[in-house]
N, C-alpha and C. Protein backbone atom coordinates (compact mmCIF):
# COMPACT_ATOMS: atom_id res chain seq x y z
N MET A 1 19.80 75.34 -38.42
CA MET A 1 18.44 74.91 -37.63
C MET A 1 17.53 75.53 -37.86
N ALA A 2 16.12 74.90 -38.73
CA ALA A 2 15.47 75.28 -39.80
C ALA A 2 14.35 76.11 -38.55
N GLU A 3 13.78 77.17 -39.11
CA GLU A 3 12.74 78.00 -38.31
C GLU A 3 11.67 77.39 -37.92
N THR A 4 11.13 77.77 -37.14
CA THR A 4 9.84 77.14 -36.23
C THR A 4 8.61 77.88 -36.23
N VAL A 5 7.71 77.02 -36.06
CA VAL A 5 6.59 78.11 -35.55
C VAL A 5 5.72 77.03 -34.45
N ARG A 6 5.04 77.34 -33.46
CA ARG A 6 4.48 77.10 -32.39
C ARG A 6 3.22 76.62 -32.55
N ILE A 7 2.62 75.36 -32.26
CA ILE A 7 1.51 74.72 -32.86
C ILE A 7 0.70 74.60 -31.47
N GLU A 8 -0.72 74.77 -31.26
CA GLU A 8 -1.26 74.20 -30.73
C GLU A 8 -2.78 74.05 -31.57
N VAL A 9 -2.96 72.31 -31.15
CA VAL A 9 -4.50 72.24 -31.46
C VAL A 9 -5.43 71.89 -30.21
N VAL A 10 -6.01 72.54 -29.50
CA VAL A 10 -6.93 72.22 -28.38
C VAL A 10 -7.95 71.57 -28.96
N ALA A 11 -8.81 70.60 -28.41
CA ALA A 11 -10.26 71.26 -28.04
C ALA A 11 -10.66 71.11 -26.88
N ALA A 12 -12.13 71.16 -26.92
CA ALA A 12 -12.98 71.14 -25.54
C ALA A 12 -12.45 69.92 -24.29
N GLU A 13 -12.18 68.51 -24.91
CA GLU A 13 -11.43 67.52 -24.19
C GLU A 13 -9.69 68.23 -23.67
N GLY A 14 -9.49 68.53 -24.40
CA GLY A 14 -8.07 69.57 -23.93
C GLY A 14 -6.76 69.45 -24.96
N ILE A 15 -6.02 69.28 -24.77
CA ILE A 15 -4.52 69.88 -26.14
C ILE A 15 -4.42 68.33 -26.67
N ALA A 16 -5.14 68.08 -27.87
CA ALA A 16 -4.70 67.01 -29.18
C ALA A 16 -2.94 67.47 -29.38
N TRP A 17 -2.33 68.48 -30.24
CA TRP A 17 -1.00 68.60 -30.30
C TRP A 17 -0.38 69.34 -30.03
N GLU A 18 0.67 69.71 -29.52
CA GLU A 18 1.57 70.97 -29.16
C GLU A 18 3.03 70.56 -29.66
N GLY A 19 3.28 71.98 -29.99
CA GLY A 19 4.97 71.67 -29.98
C GLY A 19 5.11 72.81 -31.35
N ASP A 20 6.41 72.59 -31.50
CA ASP A 20 7.43 73.59 -32.36
C ASP A 20 7.46 72.53 -33.79
N ALA A 21 6.96 73.39 -34.75
CA ALA A 21 6.47 72.65 -36.35
C ALA A 21 7.31 72.78 -37.32
N LEU A 22 7.27 72.36 -38.31
CA LEU A 22 8.05 73.30 -39.62
C LEU A 22 7.15 73.84 -40.75
N SER A 23 5.78 73.16 -40.47
CA SER A 23 4.33 73.82 -40.81
C SER A 23 3.26 73.30 -40.69
N ILE A 24 2.04 73.64 -40.97
CA ILE A 24 0.45 72.93 -40.64
C ILE A 24 -0.19 73.16 -42.22
N ILE A 25 -1.12 72.52 -42.15
CA ILE A 25 -2.02 72.64 -43.55
C ILE A 25 -3.21 72.06 -42.33
N ALA A 26 -4.29 73.08 -42.80
CA ALA A 26 -6.01 72.82 -42.25
C ALA A 26 -6.71 72.81 -43.67
N ARG A 27 -7.87 73.13 -43.13
CA ARG A 27 -9.09 73.06 -44.21
C ARG A 27 -9.91 74.09 -43.68
N THR A 28 -10.03 75.37 -44.55
CA THR A 28 -11.11 76.55 -43.67
C THR A 28 -12.07 76.28 -44.97
N THR A 29 -13.33 76.98 -44.41
CA THR A 29 -14.35 77.54 -45.33
C THR A 29 -13.88 78.08 -46.77
N GLU A 30 -12.72 78.64 -46.68
CA GLU A 30 -12.02 78.71 -48.03
C GLU A 30 -11.44 77.96 -48.72
N GLY A 31 -10.97 76.80 -48.22
CA GLY A 31 -10.10 75.94 -48.76
C GLY A 31 -8.46 75.77 -47.84
N ASP A 32 -8.15 74.74 -48.51
CA ASP A 32 -7.27 74.30 -47.74
C ASP A 32 -5.75 75.87 -47.35
N VAL A 33 -5.12 75.76 -46.39
CA VAL A 33 -4.50 76.77 -46.23
C VAL A 33 -3.09 76.14 -45.10
N GLY A 34 -1.85 76.69 -45.71
CA GLY A 34 -0.38 76.15 -45.13
C GLY A 34 0.31 77.15 -44.11
N ILE A 35 0.28 77.17 -43.58
CA ILE A 35 0.99 77.85 -42.39
C ILE A 35 2.62 77.04 -42.05
N LEU A 36 3.08 78.59 -42.49
CA LEU A 36 4.90 78.26 -42.37
C LEU A 36 5.43 79.19 -41.58
N PRO A 37 6.53 79.00 -40.65
CA PRO A 37 7.04 80.53 -39.74
C PRO A 37 6.68 81.91 -40.04
N HIS A 38 6.57 82.57 -39.11
CA HIS A 38 6.50 83.78 -39.15
C HIS A 38 5.32 84.06 -40.54
N HIS A 39 4.48 83.55 -40.18
CA HIS A 39 3.15 83.91 -41.46
C HIS A 39 2.33 85.10 -40.77
N GLU A 40 2.19 86.09 -41.94
CA GLU A 40 1.29 87.14 -41.40
C GLU A 40 0.00 86.80 -40.52
N PRO A 41 -0.37 87.61 -39.39
CA PRO A 41 -1.98 86.97 -38.78
C PRO A 41 -3.03 86.80 -39.83
N PHE A 42 -3.59 85.92 -39.44
CA PHE A 42 -4.33 84.99 -39.92
C PHE A 42 -5.39 84.42 -39.26
N LEU A 43 -6.92 84.82 -39.56
CA LEU A 43 -7.72 83.82 -38.59
C LEU A 43 -9.09 83.69 -39.55
N ALA A 44 -9.37 82.26 -39.93
CA ALA A 44 -10.65 81.51 -40.26
C ALA A 44 -11.05 80.55 -39.14
N ALA A 45 -12.07 80.26 -40.09
CA ALA A 45 -13.22 79.48 -39.75
C ALA A 45 -12.66 77.75 -40.10
N LEU A 46 -12.66 76.62 -39.26
CA LEU A 46 -11.88 75.32 -40.07
C LEU A 46 -13.50 74.47 -40.21
N VAL A 47 -13.13 73.39 -41.23
CA VAL A 47 -14.23 72.93 -41.65
C VAL A 47 -13.47 71.69 -41.20
N PRO A 48 -14.46 70.48 -40.87
CA PRO A 48 -13.99 69.14 -40.98
C PRO A 48 -12.89 68.85 -41.41
N CYS A 49 -11.62 68.44 -40.80
CA CYS A 49 -10.24 68.33 -41.29
C CYS A 49 -9.39 66.83 -41.14
N VAL A 50 -8.22 66.40 -41.92
CA VAL A 50 -7.54 66.15 -41.30
C VAL A 50 -6.21 67.10 -41.42
N THR A 51 -5.41 67.29 -40.37
CA THR A 51 -4.64 68.61 -40.09
C THR A 51 -3.04 67.93 -40.21
N GLU A 52 -2.47 68.17 -41.25
CA GLU A 52 -1.21 68.01 -41.24
C GLU A 52 -0.32 69.06 -40.91
N ILE A 53 0.91 68.13 -39.42
CA ILE A 53 2.00 68.76 -38.99
C ILE A 53 3.00 68.27 -39.47
N SER A 54 4.01 69.28 -40.05
CA SER A 54 5.35 68.48 -40.23
C SER A 54 6.39 69.49 -39.34
N THR A 55 6.89 68.05 -38.29
CA THR A 55 7.46 67.98 -37.67
C THR A 55 8.88 68.77 -37.54
N ILE A 56 9.68 68.86 -36.53
CA ILE A 56 11.07 69.24 -36.79
C ILE A 56 11.88 68.06 -36.98
N ASP A 57 11.52 66.80 -36.75
CA ASP A 57 12.45 65.48 -36.60
C ASP A 57 11.84 64.93 -38.21
N GLY A 58 10.88 65.90 -38.67
CA GLY A 58 10.79 65.17 -40.14
C GLY A 58 9.94 64.13 -40.28
N LYS A 59 9.08 64.12 -39.38
CA LYS A 59 8.16 63.32 -39.30
C LYS A 59 6.62 64.00 -39.97
N ARG A 60 5.33 63.46 -40.03
CA ARG A 60 4.38 63.74 -40.22
C ARG A 60 3.43 63.88 -39.14
N GLU A 61 2.53 64.51 -38.17
CA GLU A 61 1.69 64.25 -37.68
C GLU A 61 -0.08 64.48 -38.10
N PHE A 62 -0.86 63.94 -38.52
CA PHE A 62 -2.31 63.80 -38.70
C PHE A 62 -2.95 64.22 -37.16
N VAL A 63 -4.23 65.43 -37.56
CA VAL A 63 -5.60 65.41 -36.24
C VAL A 63 -6.36 65.38 -37.16
N ALA A 64 -7.02 65.06 -36.33
CA ALA A 64 -8.52 64.71 -37.00
C ALA A 64 -9.19 66.14 -35.98
N VAL A 65 -10.08 67.12 -36.89
CA VAL A 65 -10.37 68.18 -36.28
C VAL A 65 -12.27 68.44 -37.07
N ASN A 66 -12.75 68.78 -36.08
CA ASN A 66 -14.17 69.20 -36.73
C ASN A 66 -14.23 70.88 -36.67
N GLU A 67 -15.41 71.22 -36.76
CA GLU A 67 -15.74 72.92 -36.94
C GLU A 67 -15.00 73.65 -36.20
N GLY A 68 -14.16 74.10 -36.15
CA GLY A 68 -13.70 75.52 -35.17
C GLY A 68 -12.99 76.84 -35.82
N PHE A 69 -11.24 77.31 -35.07
CA PHE A 69 -11.07 78.21 -35.75
C PHE A 69 -9.33 78.13 -35.93
N ILE A 70 -8.78 78.55 -36.85
CA ILE A 70 -7.23 78.84 -36.91
C ILE A 70 -7.07 80.30 -36.80
N SER A 71 -5.93 80.13 -36.04
CA SER A 71 -5.64 81.85 -35.77
C SER A 71 -3.99 81.30 -35.77
N VAL A 72 -3.58 82.65 -36.08
CA VAL A 72 -1.92 82.68 -36.63
C VAL A 72 -2.24 84.04 -35.91
N ALA A 73 -0.56 84.28 -34.93
CA ALA A 73 -0.08 85.34 -34.91
C ALA A 73 1.31 85.55 -34.24
N ASP A 74 1.88 86.45 -34.21
CA ASP A 74 3.22 86.02 -33.26
C ASP A 74 4.09 84.44 -33.75
N ASN A 75 4.30 83.97 -34.77
CA ASN A 75 4.75 83.09 -34.64
C ASN A 75 4.01 81.62 -34.13
N ARG A 76 2.89 81.94 -33.64
CA ARG A 76 2.00 81.18 -33.02
C ARG A 76 0.47 80.62 -33.84
N VAL A 77 0.32 79.20 -33.95
CA VAL A 77 -0.79 78.84 -35.00
C VAL A 77 -1.64 78.10 -33.17
N SER A 78 -2.80 78.38 -33.46
CA SER A 78 -3.70 78.20 -32.23
C SER A 78 -5.11 77.37 -33.51
N LEU A 79 -5.12 76.23 -32.94
CA LEU A 79 -6.14 75.58 -33.80
C LEU A 79 -7.49 75.16 -32.20
N LEU A 80 -8.56 75.42 -32.62
CA LEU A 80 -9.94 75.42 -31.44
C LEU A 80 -10.48 75.11 -32.33
N ALA A 81 -11.67 73.77 -31.83
CA ALA A 81 -12.44 73.31 -32.22
C ALA A 81 -12.87 72.49 -31.65
N GLY A 82 -13.97 71.85 -31.39
CA GLY A 82 -15.07 71.54 -30.41
C GLY A 82 -14.57 69.69 -30.11
N TYR A 83 -13.86 69.34 -31.35
CA TYR A 83 -13.29 67.91 -31.56
C TYR A 83 -11.78 68.10 -32.30
N ALA A 84 -10.75 67.33 -31.62
CA ALA A 84 -9.30 66.98 -32.00
C ALA A 84 -9.04 66.11 -31.68
N ARG A 85 -8.08 65.14 -32.05
CA ARG A 85 -7.51 64.21 -31.73
C ARG A 85 -6.83 63.22 -32.81
N ALA A 86 -5.41 63.41 -32.34
CA ALA A 86 -4.10 63.02 -32.76
C ALA A 86 -4.52 61.70 -33.97
N GLY A 87 -4.49 61.85 -34.94
CA GLY A 87 -4.71 60.08 -35.60
C GLY A 87 -4.51 58.76 -35.01
N GLY A 88 -2.92 59.03 -34.73
CA GLY A 88 -2.16 57.56 -33.90
C GLY A 88 -3.09 57.56 -32.28
N ALA A 89 -4.11 58.22 -31.77
CA ALA A 89 -4.97 58.25 -30.85
C ALA A 89 -6.54 57.64 -30.89
N ILE A 90 -6.59 57.29 -32.21
CA ILE A 90 -7.90 57.23 -32.45
C ILE A 90 -8.08 55.48 -32.73
N ASP A 91 -8.98 55.10 -32.21
CA ASP A 91 -9.35 53.90 -32.56
C ASP A 91 -10.05 53.48 -33.87
N LEU A 92 -8.89 53.18 -34.93
CA LEU A 92 -9.50 52.56 -36.04
C LEU A 92 -10.84 51.89 -36.35
N GLN A 93 -10.64 51.11 -35.68
CA GLN A 93 -11.67 50.38 -35.87
C GLN A 93 -13.15 50.46 -35.34
N ALA A 94 -13.05 51.15 -34.26
CA ALA A 94 -14.43 51.84 -33.69
C ALA A 94 -14.57 52.57 -34.54
N ALA A 95 -13.85 53.57 -35.20
CA ALA A 95 -14.01 54.67 -36.02
C ALA A 95 -14.87 54.19 -37.16
N GLU A 96 -14.26 52.89 -37.69
CA GLU A 96 -14.81 52.30 -39.26
C GLU A 96 -16.11 51.44 -39.08
N ARG A 97 -16.23 51.53 -37.62
CA ARG A 97 -17.85 50.76 -37.37
C ARG A 97 -18.66 52.10 -37.57
N GLU A 98 -18.40 53.20 -36.63
CA GLU A 98 -19.37 54.21 -36.79
C GLU A 98 -19.35 54.62 -37.41
N LEU A 99 -18.24 54.74 -38.95
CA LEU A 99 -18.64 55.71 -40.08
C LEU A 99 -19.86 54.74 -40.90
N ALA A 100 -19.34 53.43 -40.84
CA ALA A 100 -20.37 51.92 -41.50
C ALA A 100 -22.01 52.45 -40.81
N GLY A 101 -22.23 52.47 -40.02
CA GLY A 101 -23.52 53.03 -39.20
C GLY A 101 -24.11 54.20 -39.91
N LEU A 102 -23.01 55.30 -39.51
CA LEU A 102 -23.67 56.17 -40.36
C LEU A 102 -24.04 56.77 -41.66
N GLU A 103 -23.07 56.15 -42.22
CA GLU A 103 -23.37 55.37 -43.87
C GLU A 103 -24.73 55.36 -44.43
N GLN A 104 -24.80 54.12 -43.16
CA GLN A 104 -25.98 53.71 -43.85
C GLN A 104 -27.66 54.00 -43.06
N SER A 105 -27.22 54.82 -41.98
CA SER A 105 -28.42 55.99 -42.04
C SER A 105 -28.76 56.71 -43.09
N VAL A 106 -27.58 57.49 -43.34
CA VAL A 106 -27.77 58.00 -44.81
C VAL A 106 -28.49 57.80 -46.21
N ASP A 107 -27.45 56.36 -46.25
CA ASP A 107 -27.88 55.68 -47.58
C ASP A 107 -29.65 55.67 -47.49
N SER A 108 -30.20 55.26 -46.28
CA SER A 108 -31.40 54.90 -45.86
C SER A 108 -32.75 56.37 -46.06
N GLY A 109 -32.00 57.44 -46.03
CA GLY A 109 -32.51 58.19 -46.10
C GLY A 109 -32.86 59.06 -44.64
N GLN A 110 -32.52 58.58 -43.79
CA GLN A 110 -32.85 59.13 -42.04
C GLN A 110 -32.15 59.41 -41.31
N ALA A 111 -31.00 60.77 -42.38
CA ALA A 111 -30.35 61.36 -41.88
C ALA A 111 -30.77 62.80 -40.94
N ASP A 112 -30.29 63.12 -40.54
CA ASP A 112 -30.83 64.81 -39.96
C ASP A 112 -29.47 65.46 -39.85
N ASP A 113 -29.50 66.68 -39.77
CA ASP A 113 -28.32 67.41 -40.02
C ASP A 113 -27.18 66.79 -39.16
N ASP A 114 -27.49 66.67 -37.90
CA ASP A 114 -26.85 65.99 -36.77
C ASP A 114 -25.71 64.38 -37.37
N THR A 115 -26.78 63.60 -38.00
CA THR A 115 -26.09 62.44 -37.93
C THR A 115 -25.57 63.26 -39.74
N LEU A 116 -25.37 64.04 -40.38
CA LEU A 116 -24.57 64.27 -41.20
C LEU A 116 -23.27 64.92 -40.59
N ALA A 117 -23.38 65.59 -39.51
CA ALA A 117 -22.29 66.31 -38.88
C ALA A 117 -21.42 64.81 -38.47
N LYS A 118 -22.02 64.35 -38.02
CA LYS A 118 -21.49 63.32 -37.38
C LYS A 118 -20.61 62.49 -38.79
N LEU A 119 -21.22 61.66 -39.70
CA LEU A 119 -20.49 61.26 -40.76
C LEU A 119 -19.21 62.10 -40.91
N LYS A 120 -19.46 63.34 -41.10
CA LYS A 120 -18.24 63.91 -41.52
C LYS A 120 -17.02 63.89 -40.45
N LEU A 121 -17.35 64.18 -39.42
CA LEU A 121 -16.20 63.84 -38.14
C LEU A 121 -15.48 62.68 -38.50
N ALA A 122 -16.79 61.37 -38.73
CA ALA A 122 -16.25 60.25 -38.61
C ALA A 122 -15.14 59.87 -39.96
N GLN A 123 -15.59 60.19 -40.94
CA GLN A 123 -14.95 60.12 -42.14
C GLN A 123 -13.62 60.91 -41.48
N VAL A 124 -13.43 61.84 -41.17
CA VAL A 124 -12.22 62.62 -41.08
C VAL A 124 -11.02 61.41 -39.77
N GLN A 125 -12.18 61.03 -38.95
CA GLN A 125 -11.02 60.35 -38.38
C GLN A 125 -10.71 59.05 -38.77
N VAL A 126 -11.50 58.55 -39.35
CA VAL A 126 -10.70 57.41 -40.38
C VAL A 126 -9.53 57.77 -40.80
N ARG A 127 -9.76 58.62 -41.93
CA ARG A 127 -8.65 59.49 -42.81
C ARG A 127 -7.22 59.32 -41.84
N ALA A 128 -7.20 60.28 -40.79
CA ALA A 128 -6.50 60.56 -39.52
C ALA A 128 -5.93 59.43 -38.95
N ALA A 129 -6.74 58.51 -39.01
CA ALA A 129 -6.01 57.29 -38.13
C ALA A 129 -5.37 56.47 -39.39
N HIS A 130 -5.52 56.36 -40.76
CA HIS A 130 -5.16 55.66 -41.85
C HIS A 130 -3.67 56.47 -42.19
N ARG A 131 -3.86 57.52 -41.88
CA ARG A 131 -2.69 58.63 -42.59
C ARG A 131 -1.43 58.43 -41.60
N ALA A 132 -1.85 58.32 -40.28
CA ALA A 132 -1.08 58.11 -38.96
C ALA A 132 -0.67 56.78 -39.17
N ALA A 133 -1.12 55.97 -39.45
CA ALA A 133 -0.78 54.43 -39.59
C ALA A 133 0.26 54.63 -40.65
N GLU A 134 0.19 55.20 -41.86
CA GLU A 134 1.19 54.81 -42.77
C GLU A 134 2.53 55.62 -42.78
N GLU A 135 2.05 56.58 -41.79
CA GLU A 135 3.33 56.94 -41.46
C GLU A 135 4.40 56.83 -40.24
N LEU A 136 4.17 55.26 -40.01
CA LEU A 136 4.77 54.77 -39.07
C LEU A 136 5.79 54.24 -39.88
C-alpha cells in the first residue's frame, strides 16, 4: 500500500475536503508547492488557487481556495482559508455568471480592491468546477 498524508482543507464555513491522500498541490505567495507523505514541516501563505489532491483511489479532487495558510507537520497538511469549496460542489453556471459580471466591472474601470479580490475567487471557482467535471 502506498504511503499517504492526512489532508484537511478548512474554511470559515467548515471542512471542504478531508482524508488521506497521496499528494497535494497548492499555490503559495512563492509559487506552487507539492506535498508528499512525510514532508518536512512547512508553513506558507496561500493565494487564490485550485488545490489538487491525488486521492488513494487514483482520482484527483480539486478544491477552490482563496487567501489563507498551508501548514505541514507530522504527516498532516492543513489548508486554512476564508473560502474553500470542492470543485464538484460549485454551481458552475452561477460561478460563470458571477465571473462575467465581475469582468464587466473591471473592463468598465469600476473595480475596486474588493471587486478584484472577488474576481480572483470567481476565476478559481470556475477553474475548480471545470477540472472536477473533467475528472468524472
